[in-house]
Amino acid sequence: MTPWPYPSAENLPDLEGGGIWNTEGWVGAVLDAAAVVGGSGGTGEPAERAERFLASAVAACRTLLTAP
């Protein structure tokens, strides 16, 4: 998930479900397939981890895009 315009790569909020922030070349929330199927995103089934990631990424992007 890529917010536009790209926010500063400093102080990005944490993401749930095993999500990470890409900050090289572009800034965006990423959920690697291994985090979903491999379980490195914490507890819960793969669909639950993906849902937690999406919800946290949408919330983070909204916050970043509305910050002064």
Protein backbone atom coordinates (compact mmCIF):
# COMPACT_ATOMS: atom_id res chain seq x y z
CA MET A 1 0.00 0.00 0.00
CA THR A 2 1.59 3.24 -1.14
CA PRO A 3 0.48 6.61 0.22
CA TRP A 4 0.83 9.50 -2.21
CA PRO A 5 2.53 11.84 -1.92
CA TYR A 6 5.17 9.72 -0.23
CA PRO A 7 5.54 10.60 3.44
CA SER A 8 8.89 10.99 5.12
CA ALA A 9 10.49 7.63 5.81
CA GLU A 10 11.22 8.77 9.37
CA ASN A 11 8.92 7.75 12.21
CA LEU A 12 6.63 5.47 10.23
CA PRO A 13 4.03 3.78 12.43
CA ASP A 14 4.24 0.08 13.21
CA LEU A 15 2.25 -2.28 11.02
CA GLU A 16 0.43 -5.39 12.18
CA GLY A 17 0.26 -8.90 10.76
CA GLY A 18 3.95 -8.99 9.83
CA GLY A 19 3.84 -5.88 7.63
CA ILE A 20 6.91 -3.76 7.04
CA TRP A 21 7.64 -0.40 5.43
CA ASN A 22 9.62 -0.24 2.21
CA THR A 23 11.72 2.94 2.21
CA GLU A 24 14.19 2.39 -0.63
CA GLY A 25 13.08 4.08 -3.86
CA TRP A 26 9.51 4.49 -2.62
CA VAL A 27 7.63 4.46 0.67
CA GLY A 28 4.89 1.95 1.18
CA ALA A 29 3.46 -0.70 3.48
CA VAL A 30 4.36 -4.23 2.38
CA LEU A 31 3.18 -7.64 3.48
CA ASP A 32 5.54 -10.33 2.29
CA ALA A 33 3.86 -13.61 1.34
CA ALA A 34 6.18 -15.46 3.72
CA ALA A 35 4.78 -13.39 6.61
CA VAL A 36 1.27 -14.52 5.69
CA VAL A 37 1.79 -18.20 5.02
CA GLY A 38 4.86 -18.71 7.19
CA GLY A 39 3.37 -17.14 10.25
CA SER A 40 6.10 -14.59 10.98
CA GLY A 41 3.31 -12.03 11.35
CA GLY A 42 2.39 -13.33 14.76
CA THR A 43 -0.55 -15.42 15.84
CA GLY A 44 -3.65 -16.29 13.88
CA GLU A 45 -4.49 -17.78 10.55
CA PRO A 46 -3.06 -16.35 7.32
CA ALA A 47 -6.28 -14.52 6.45
CA GLU A 48 -6.36 -12.95 9.93
CA ARG A 49 -2.77 -11.74 9.58
CA ALA A 50 -3.52 -10.27 6.15
CA GLU A 51 -6.62 -8.52 7.50
CA ARG A 52 -4.66 -7.07 10.45
CA PHE A 53 -1.99 -5.83 8.05
CA LEU A 54 -4.52 -4.19 5.72
CA ALA A 55 -6.38 -2.49 8.56
CA SER A 56 -3.17 -1.17 10.11
CA ALA A 57 -1.74 -0.06 6.73
CA VAL A 58 -4.90 1.86 5.81
CA ALA A 59 -4.96 3.53 9.24
CA ALA A 60 -1.25 4.38 9.02
CA CYS A 61 -1.56 5.84 5.52
CA ARG A 62 -4.55 7.94 6.54
CA THR A 63 -2.63 9.27 9.52
CA LEU A 64 0.49 10.00 7.46
CA LEU A 65 -1.45 11.80 4.74
CA THR A 66 -3.38 14.00 7.15
CA ALA A 67 -0.43 14.88 9.40
CA PRO A 68 0.69 18.51 9.21
